[in-house]
Amino acid sequence: MSSQVTLEMIYNEIKQINKRLSLVEDTVEGINVKDLPRATVSKQEQAEIKRAVEEMKESQLFLI
Protein backbone atom coordinates (compact mmCIF):
# COMPACT_ATOMS: atom_id res chain seq x y z
CA MET A 1 0.00 0.00 0.00
CA SER A 2 1.12 3.49 -0.76
CA SER A 3 1.04 6.12 1.96
CA GLN A 4 1.23 9.04 -0.46
CA VAL A 5 -0.92 12.03 0.27
CA THR A 6 -2.70 13.46 -2.73
CA LEU A 7 -4.16 16.89 -3.31
CA GLU A 8 -7.59 15.27 -3.44
CA MET A 9 -7.07 13.79 0.04
CA ILE A 10 -6.04 17.19 1.40
CA TYR A 11 -9.00 18.86 -0.30
CA ASN A 12 -11.43 16.32 1.18
CA GLU A 13 -9.97 16.80 4.65
CA ILE A 14 -10.29 20.60 4.36
CA LYS A 15 -13.92 20.20 3.22
CA GLN A 16 -14.66 18.13 6.33
CA ILE A 17 -12.97 20.70 8.58
CA ASN A 18 -15.02 23.48 6.96
CA LYS A 19 -18.24 21.56 7.61
CA ARG A 20 -17.32 21.10 11.26
CA LEU A 21 -16.33 24.75 11.59
CA SER A 22 -19.70 25.73 10.16
CA LEU A 23 -21.43 23.65 12.83
CA VAL A 24 -19.37 25.34 15.55
CA GLU A 25 -20.19 28.78 14.12
CA ASP A 26 -23.90 27.92 14.08
CA THR A 27 -23.67 26.79 17.71
CA VAL A 28 -21.96 30.01 18.78
CA GLU A 29 -24.56 32.04 16.90
CA GLY A 30 -27.29 30.08 18.65
CA ILE A 31 -25.77 30.85 22.03
CA ASN A 32 -25.71 34.57 21.18
CA VAL A 33 -29.35 34.40 20.15
CA LYS A 34 -30.23 33.06 23.60
CA ASP A 35 -29.29 36.46 25.04
CA LEU A 36 -31.99 38.18 22.98
CA PRO A 37 -35.36 39.00 24.54
CA ARG A 38 -37.76 36.08 24.73
CA ALA A 39 -40.73 35.81 22.39
CA THR A 40 -43.93 33.92 23.06
CA VAL A 41 -44.36 30.82 20.94
CA SER A 42 -47.49 28.73 20.59
CA LYS A 43 -47.49 25.01 21.39
CA GLN A 44 -47.79 24.26 17.65
CA GLU A 45 -44.78 26.48 16.86
CA GLN A 46 -42.82 24.81 19.66
CA ALA A 47 -43.56 21.40 18.15
CA GLU A 48 -42.51 22.58 14.69
CA ILE A 49 -39.25 24.02 16.03
CA LYS A 50 -38.51 20.83 17.96
CA ARG A 51 -39.16 18.74 14.85
CA ALA A 52 -36.90 21.00 12.75
CA VAL A 53 -34.09 20.77 15.30
CA GLU A 54 -34.35 16.97 15.36
CA GLU A 55 -34.19 16.87 11.55
CA MET A 56 -31.08 19.06 11.59
CA LYS A 57 -29.44 16.84 14.19
CA GLU A 58 -30.16 13.75 12.09
CA SER A 59 -28.74 15.35 8.94
CA GLN A 60 -25.60 16.50 10.77
CA LEU A 61 -24.71 12.91 11.60
CA PHE A 62 -23.88 12.44 7.93
CA LEU A 63 -21.65 15.54 7.81
CA ILE A 64 -19.30 14.52 10.60
PDB file of N, CA and C in Angstrom:
ATOM      1  N   MET A   1       0.827  -1.185   0.000  1.00  0.00           N
ATOM      2  CA  MET A   1       0.000   0.000   0.000  1.00  0.00           C
ATOM      3  C   MET A   1       0.870   1.247   0.000  1.00  0.00           C
ATOM      4  N   SER A   2       0.409   2.222  -0.680  1.00  0.00           N
ATOM      5  CA  SER A   2       1.118   3.491  -0.758  1.00  0.00           C
ATOM      6  C   SER A   2       0.582   4.433   0.308  1.00  0.00           C
ATOM      7  N   SER A   3       1.476   5.164   0.935  1.00  0.00           N
ATOM      8  CA  SER A   3       1.043   6.121   1.958  1.00  0.00           C
ATOM      9  C   SER A   3       1.206   7.554   1.454  1.00  0.00           C
ATOM     10  N   GLN A   4       1.116   7.716   0.135  1.00  0.00           N
ATOM     11  CA  GLN A   4       1.233   9.039  -0.458  1.00  0.00           C
ATOM     12  C   GLN A   4      -0.020   9.852  -0.195  1.00  0.00           C
ATOM     13  N   VAL A   5       0.187  11.114   0.076  1.00  0.00           N
ATOM     14  CA  VAL A   5      -0.922  12.027   0.268  1.00  0.00           C
ATOM     15  C   VAL A   5      -1.143  12.780  -1.039  1.00  0.00           C
ATOM     16  N   THR A   6      -2.380  12.784  -1.477  1.00  0.00           N
ATOM     17  CA  THR A   6      -2.699  13.456  -2.734  1.00  0.00           C
ATOM     18  C   THR A   6      -3.401  14.780  -2.450  1.00  0.00           C
ATOM     19  N   LEU A   7      -3.441  15.629  -3.450  1.00  0.00           N
ATOM     20  CA  LEU A   7      -4.162  16.891  -3.308  1.00  0.00           C
ATOM     21  C   LEU A   7      -5.648  16.639  -3.051  1.00  0.00           C
ATOM     22  N   GLU A   8      -6.181  15.608  -3.647  1.00  0.00           N
ATOM     23  CA  GLU A   8      -7.587  15.270  -3.435  1.00  0.00           C
ATOM     24  C   GLU A   8      -7.843  14.896  -1.980  1.00  0.00           C
ATOM     25  N   MET A   9      -6.932  14.157  -1.366  1.00  0.00           N
ATOM     26  CA  MET A   9      -7.074  13.790   0.041  1.00  0.00           C
ATOM     27  C   MET A   9      -7.040  15.038   0.929  1.00  0.00           C
ATOM     28  N   ILE A  10      -6.143  15.943   0.633  1.00  0.00           N
ATOM     29  CA  ILE A  10      -6.041  17.189   1.400  1.00  0.00           C
ATOM     30  C   ILE A  10      -7.318  18.006   1.223  1.00  0.00           C
ATOM     31  N   TYR A  11      -7.778  18.114  -0.013  1.00  0.00           N
ATOM     32  CA  TYR A  11      -9.004  18.862  -0.302  1.00  0.00           C
ATOM     33  C   TYR A  11     -10.188  18.280   0.467  1.00  0.00           C
ATOM     34  N   ASN A  12     -10.326  16.959   0.471  1.00  0.00           N
ATOM     35  CA  ASN A  12     -11.431  16.320   1.183  1.00  0.00           C
ATOM     36  C   ASN A  12     -11.348  16.573   2.684  1.00  0.00           C
ATOM     37  N   GLU A  13     -10.156  16.536   3.221  1.00  0.00           N
ATOM     38  CA  GLU A  13      -9.974  16.803   4.645  1.00  0.00           C
ATOM     39  C   GLU A  13     -10.351  18.249   4.981  1.00  0.00           C
ATOM     40  N   ILE A  14      -9.955  19.182   4.149  1.00  0.00           N
ATOM     41  CA  ILE A  14     -10.285  20.596   4.360  1.00  0.00           C
ATOM     42  C   ILE A  14     -11.800  20.804   4.271  1.00  0.00           C
ATOM     43  N   LYS A  15     -12.457  20.106   3.333  1.00  0.00           N
ATOM     44  CA  LYS A  15     -13.921  20.196   3.223  1.00  0.00           C
ATOM     45  C   LYS A  15     -14.582  19.733   4.512  1.00  0.00           C
ATOM     46  N   GLN A  16     -14.094  18.647   5.086  1.00  0.00           N
ATOM     47  CA  GLN A  16     -14.662  18.127   6.335  1.00  0.00           C
ATOM     48  C   GLN A  16     -14.440  19.109   7.484  1.00  0.00           C
ATOM     49  N   ILE A  17     -13.267  19.705   7.532  1.00  0.00           N
ATOM     50  CA  ILE A  17     -12.974  20.696   8.577  1.00  0.00           C
ATOM     51  C   ILE A  17     -13.894  21.899   8.423  1.00  0.00           C
ATOM     52  N   ASN A  18     -14.125  22.352   7.201  1.00  0.00           N
ATOM     53  CA  ASN A  18     -15.016  23.485   6.960  1.00  0.00           C
ATOM     54  C   ASN A  18     -16.444  23.173   7.407  1.00  0.00           C
ATOM     55  N   LYS A  19     -16.897  21.954   7.169  1.00  0.00           N
ATOM     56  CA  LYS A  19     -18.236  21.565   7.608  1.00  0.00           C
ATOM     57  C   LYS A  19     -18.337  21.616   9.127  1.00  0.00           C
ATOM     58  N   ARG A  20     -17.314  21.088   9.794  1.00  0.00           N
ATOM     59  CA  ARG A  20     -17.320  21.095  11.263  1.00  0.00           C
ATOM     60  C   ARG A  20     -17.256  22.520  11.803  1.00  0.00           C
ATOM     61  N   LEU A  21     -16.435  23.353  11.177  1.00  0.00           N
ATOM     62  CA  LEU A  21     -16.332  24.749  11.589  1.00  0.00           C
ATOM     63  C   LEU A  21     -17.677  25.447  11.433  1.00  0.00           C
ATOM     64  N   SER A  22     -18.375  25.145  10.376  1.00  0.00           N
ATOM     65  CA  SER A  22     -19.698  25.735  10.157  1.00  0.00           C
ATOM     66  C   SER A  22     -20.646  25.345  11.284  1.00  0.00           C
ATOM     67  N   LEU A  23     -20.585  24.091  11.721  1.00  0.00           N
ATOM     68  CA  LEU A  23     -21.433  23.651  12.833  1.00  0.00           C
ATOM     69  C   LEU A  23     -21.079  24.395  14.114  1.00  0.00           C
ATOM     70  N   VAL A  24     -19.798  24.605  14.360  1.00  0.00           N
ATOM     71  CA  VAL A  24     -19.366  25.342  15.547  1.00  0.00           C
ATOM     72  C   VAL A  24     -19.860  26.787  15.472  1.00  0.00           C
ATOM     73  N   GLU A  25     -19.724  27.401  14.297  1.00  0.00           N
ATOM     74  CA  GLU A  25     -20.188  28.777  14.124  1.00  0.00           C
ATOM     75  C   GLU A  25     -21.691  28.882  14.371  1.00  0.00           C
ATOM     76  N   ASP A  26     -22.452  27.918  13.871  1.00  0.00           N
ATOM     77  CA  ASP A  26     -23.900  27.916  14.084  1.00  0.00           C
ATOM     78  C   ASP A  26     -24.226  27.787  15.568  1.00  0.00           C
ATOM     79  N   THR A  27     -23.466  26.970  16.274  1.00  0.00           N
ATOM     80  CA  THR A  27     -23.675  26.793  17.706  1.00  0.00           C
ATOM     81  C   THR A  27     -23.412  28.090  18.456  1.00  0.00           C
ATOM     82  N   VAL A  28     -22.302  28.741  18.131  1.00  0.00           N
ATOM     83  CA  VAL A  28     -21.964  30.012  18.783  1.00  0.00           C
ATOM     84  C   VAL A  28     -23.037  31.055  18.490  1.00  0.00           C
ATOM     85  N   GLU A  29     -23.497  31.102  17.264  1.00  0.00           N
ATOM     86  CA  GLU A  29     -24.555  32.042  16.901  1.00  0.00           C
ATOM     87  C   GLU A  29     -25.820  31.744  17.698  1.00  0.00           C
ATOM     88  N   GLY A  30     -26.118  30.476  17.862  1.00  0.00           N
ATOM     89  CA  GLY A  30     -27.292  30.085  18.648  1.00  0.00           C
ATOM     90  C   GLY A  30     -27.174  30.512  20.092  1.00  0.00           C
ATOM     91  N   ILE A  31     -25.996  30.420  20.643  1.00  0.00           N
ATOM     92  CA  ILE A  31     -25.767  30.850  22.027  1.00  0.00           C
ATOM     93  C   ILE A  31     -26.006  32.360  22.138  1.00  0.00           C
ATOM     94  N   ASN A  32     -25.505  33.116  21.173  1.00  0.00           N
ATOM     95  CA  ASN A  32     -25.709  34.567  21.183  1.00  0.00           C
ATOM     96  C   ASN A  32     -27.184  34.923  21.074  1.00  0.00           C
ATOM     97  N   VAL A  33     -27.923  34.147  20.321  1.00  0.00           N
ATOM     98  CA  VAL A  33     -29.354  34.403  20.149  1.00  0.00           C
ATOM     99  C   VAL A  33     -30.090  34.206  21.474  1.00  0.00           C
ATOM    100  N   LYS A  34     -29.587  33.318  22.312  1.00  0.00           N
ATOM    101  CA  LYS A  34     -30.234  33.062  23.603  1.00  0.00           C
ATOM    102  C   LYS A  34     -30.255  34.304  24.481  1.00  0.00           C
ATOM    103  N   ASP A  35     -29.337  35.230  24.254  1.00  0.00           N
ATOM    104  CA  ASP A  35     -29.288  36.456  25.040  1.00  0.00           C
ATOM    105  C   ASP A  35     -30.320  37.490  24.593  1.00  0.00           C
ATOM    106  N   LEU A  36     -30.975  37.254  23.484  1.00  0.00           N
ATOM    107  CA  LEU A  36     -31.987  38.183  22.983  1.00  0.00           C
ATOM    108  C   LEU A  36     -33.261  38.058  23.820  1.00  0.00           C
ATOM    109  N   PRO A  37     -34.094  39.081  23.794  1.00  0.00           N
ATOM    110  CA  PRO A  37     -35.361  39.000  24.542  1.00  0.00           C
ATOM    111  C   PRO A  37     -36.190  37.793  24.094  1.00  0.00           C
ATOM    112  N   ARG A  38     -36.931  37.257  25.016  1.00  0.00           N
ATOM    113  CA  ARG A  38     -37.762  36.081  24.726  1.00  0.00           C
ATOM    114  C   ARG A  38     -39.040  36.486  23.992  1.00  0.00           C
ATOM    115  N   ALA A  39     -39.473  35.609  23.101  1.00  0.00           N
ATOM    116  CA  ALA A  39     -40.732  35.806  22.393  1.00  0.00           C
ATOM    117  C   ALA A  39     -41.687  34.700  22.824  1.00  0.00           C
ATOM    118  N   THR A  40     -42.955  34.959  22.730  1.00  0.00           N
ATOM    119  CA  THR A  40     -43.928  33.917  23.059  1.00  0.00           C
ATOM    120  C   THR A  40     -44.161  33.064  21.811  1.00  0.00           C
ATOM    121  N   VAL A  41     -44.210  31.778  22.036  1.00  0.00           N
ATOM    122  CA  VAL A  41     -44.360  30.822  20.945  1.00  0.00           C
ATOM    123  C   VAL A  41     -45.494  29.871  21.306  1.00  0.00           C
ATOM    124  N   SER A  42     -46.361  29.633  20.345  1.00  0.00           N
ATOM    125  CA  SER A  42     -47.491  28.730  20.587  1.00  0.00           C
ATOM    126  C   SER A  42     -46.996  27.286  20.698  1.00  0.00           C
ATOM    127  N   LYS A  43     -47.831  26.439  21.255  1.00  0.00           N
ATOM    128  CA  LYS A  43     -47.493  25.008  21.389  1.00  0.00           C
ATOM    129  C   LYS A  43     -47.218  24.397  20.018  1.00  0.00           C
ATOM    130  N   GLN A  44     -47.985  24.790  19.005  1.00  0.00           N
ATOM    131  CA  GLN A  44     -47.790  24.260  17.651  1.00  0.00           C
ATOM    132  C   GLN A  44     -46.427  24.704  17.112  1.00  0.00           C
ATOM    133  N   GLU A  45     -46.084  25.981  17.323  1.00  0.00           N
ATOM    134  CA  GLU A  45     -44.780  26.480  16.858  1.00  0.00           C
ATOM    135  C   GLU A  45     -43.641  25.780  17.594  1.00  0.00           C
ATOM    136  N   GLN A  46     -43.823  25.529  18.888  1.00  0.00           N
ATOM    137  CA  GLN A  46     -42.815  24.814  19.656  1.00  0.00           C
ATOM    138  C   GLN A  46     -42.578  23.417  19.080  1.00  0.00           C
ATOM    139  N   ALA A  47     -43.662  22.742  18.731  1.00  0.00           N
ATOM    140  CA  ALA A  47     -43.560  21.400  18.152  1.00  0.00           C
ATOM    141  C   ALA A  47     -42.845  21.440  16.805  1.00  0.00           C
ATOM    142  N   GLU A  48     -43.166  22.443  15.997  1.00  0.00           N
ATOM    143  CA  GLU A  48     -42.514  22.582  14.690  1.00  0.00           C
ATOM    144  C   GLU A  48     -41.016  22.853  14.843  1.00  0.00           C
ATOM    145  N   ILE A  49     -40.666  23.713  15.789  1.00  0.00           N
ATOM    146  CA  ILE A  49     -39.254  24.024  16.033  1.00  0.00           C
ATOM    147  C   ILE A  49     -38.526  22.775  16.505  1.00  0.00           C
ATOM    148  N   LYS A  50     -39.131  22.058  17.445  1.00  0.00           N
ATOM    149  CA  LYS A  50     -38.508  20.833  17.962  1.00  0.00           C
ATOM    150  C   LYS A  50     -38.282  19.823  16.843  1.00  0.00           C
ATOM    151  N   ARG A  51     -39.270  19.679  15.975  1.00  0.00           N
ATOM    152  CA  ARG A  51     -39.162  18.741  14.847  1.00  0.00           C
ATOM    153  C   ARG A  51     -38.040  19.179  13.893  1.00  0.00           C
ATOM    154  N   ALA A  52     -37.952  20.484  13.635  1.00  0.00           N
ATOM    155  CA  ALA A  52     -36.900  20.999  12.747  1.00  0.00           C
ATOM    156  C   ALA A  52     -35.515  20.768  13.340  1.00  0.00           C
ATOM    157  N   VAL A  53     -35.380  20.985  14.643  1.00  0.00           N
ATOM    158  CA  VAL A  53     -34.086  20.770  15.300  1.00  0.00           C
ATOM    159  C   VAL A  53     -33.693  19.298  15.218  1.00  0.00           C
ATOM    160  N   GLU A  54     -34.634  18.407  15.454  1.00  0.00           N
ATOM    161  CA  GLU A  54     -34.354  16.974  15.361  1.00  0.00           C
ATOM    162  C   GLU A  54     -33.921  16.594  13.944  1.00  0.00           C
ATOM    163  N   GLU A  55     -34.576  17.148  12.940  1.00  0.00           N
ATOM    164  CA  GLU A  55     -34.195  16.869  11.552  1.00  0.00           C
ATOM    165  C   GLU A  55     -32.780  17.358  11.265  1.00  0.00           C
ATOM    166  N   MET A  56     -32.440  18.539  11.795  1.00  0.00           N
ATOM    167  CA  MET A  56     -31.084  19.064  11.594  1.00  0.00           C
ATOM    168  C   MET A  56     -30.053  18.172  12.268  1.00  0.00           C
ATOM    169  N   LYS A  57     -30.370  17.718  13.481  1.00  0.00           N
ATOM    170  CA  LYS A  57     -29.442  16.837  14.193  1.00  0.00           C
ATOM    171  C   LYS A  57     -29.215  15.548  13.403  1.00  0.00           C
ATOM    172  N   GLU A  58     -30.277  14.993  12.857  1.00  0.00           N
ATOM    173  CA  GLU A  58     -30.164  13.752  12.087  1.00  0.00           C
ATOM    174  C   GLU A  58     -29.317  13.966  10.829  1.00  0.00           C
ATOM    175  N   SER A  59     -29.499  15.087  10.165  1.00  0.00           N
ATOM    176  CA  SER A  59     -28.740  15.346   8.941  1.00  0.00           C
ATOM    177  C   SER A  59     -27.280  15.637   9.241  1.00  0.00           C
ATOM    178  N   GLN A  60     -26.977  16.192  10.414  1.00  0.00           N
ATOM    179  CA  GLN A  60     -25.600  16.496  10.771  1.00  0.00           C
ATOM    180  C   GLN A  60     -24.787  15.240  11.025  1.00  0.00           C
ATOM    181  N   LEU A  61     -25.426  14.159  11.383  1.00  0.00           N
ATOM    182  CA  LEU A  61     -24.714  12.909  11.595  1.00  0.00           C
ATOM    183  C   LEU A  61     -23.982  12.470  10.335  1.00  0.00           C
ATOM    184  N   PHE A  62     -24.495  12.820   9.190  1.00  0.00           N
ATOM    185  CA  PHE A  62     -23.880  12.437   7.930  1.00  0.00           C
ATOM    186  C   PHE A  62     -22.755  13.370   7.527  1.00  0.00           C
ATOM    187  N   LEU A  63     -22.678  14.564   8.143  1.00  0.00           N
ATOM    188  CA  LEU A  63     -21.645  15.539   7.807  1.00  0.00           C
ATOM    189  C   LEU A  63     -20.371  15.299   8.586  1.00  0.00           C
ATOM    190  N   ILE A  64     -20.471  14.676   9.733  1.00  0.00           N
ATOM    191  CA  ILE A  64     -19.300  14.517  10.599  1.00  0.00           C
ATOM    192  C   ILE A  64     -18.596  13.205  10.328  1.00  0.00           C
TER     193      ILE A  64
END
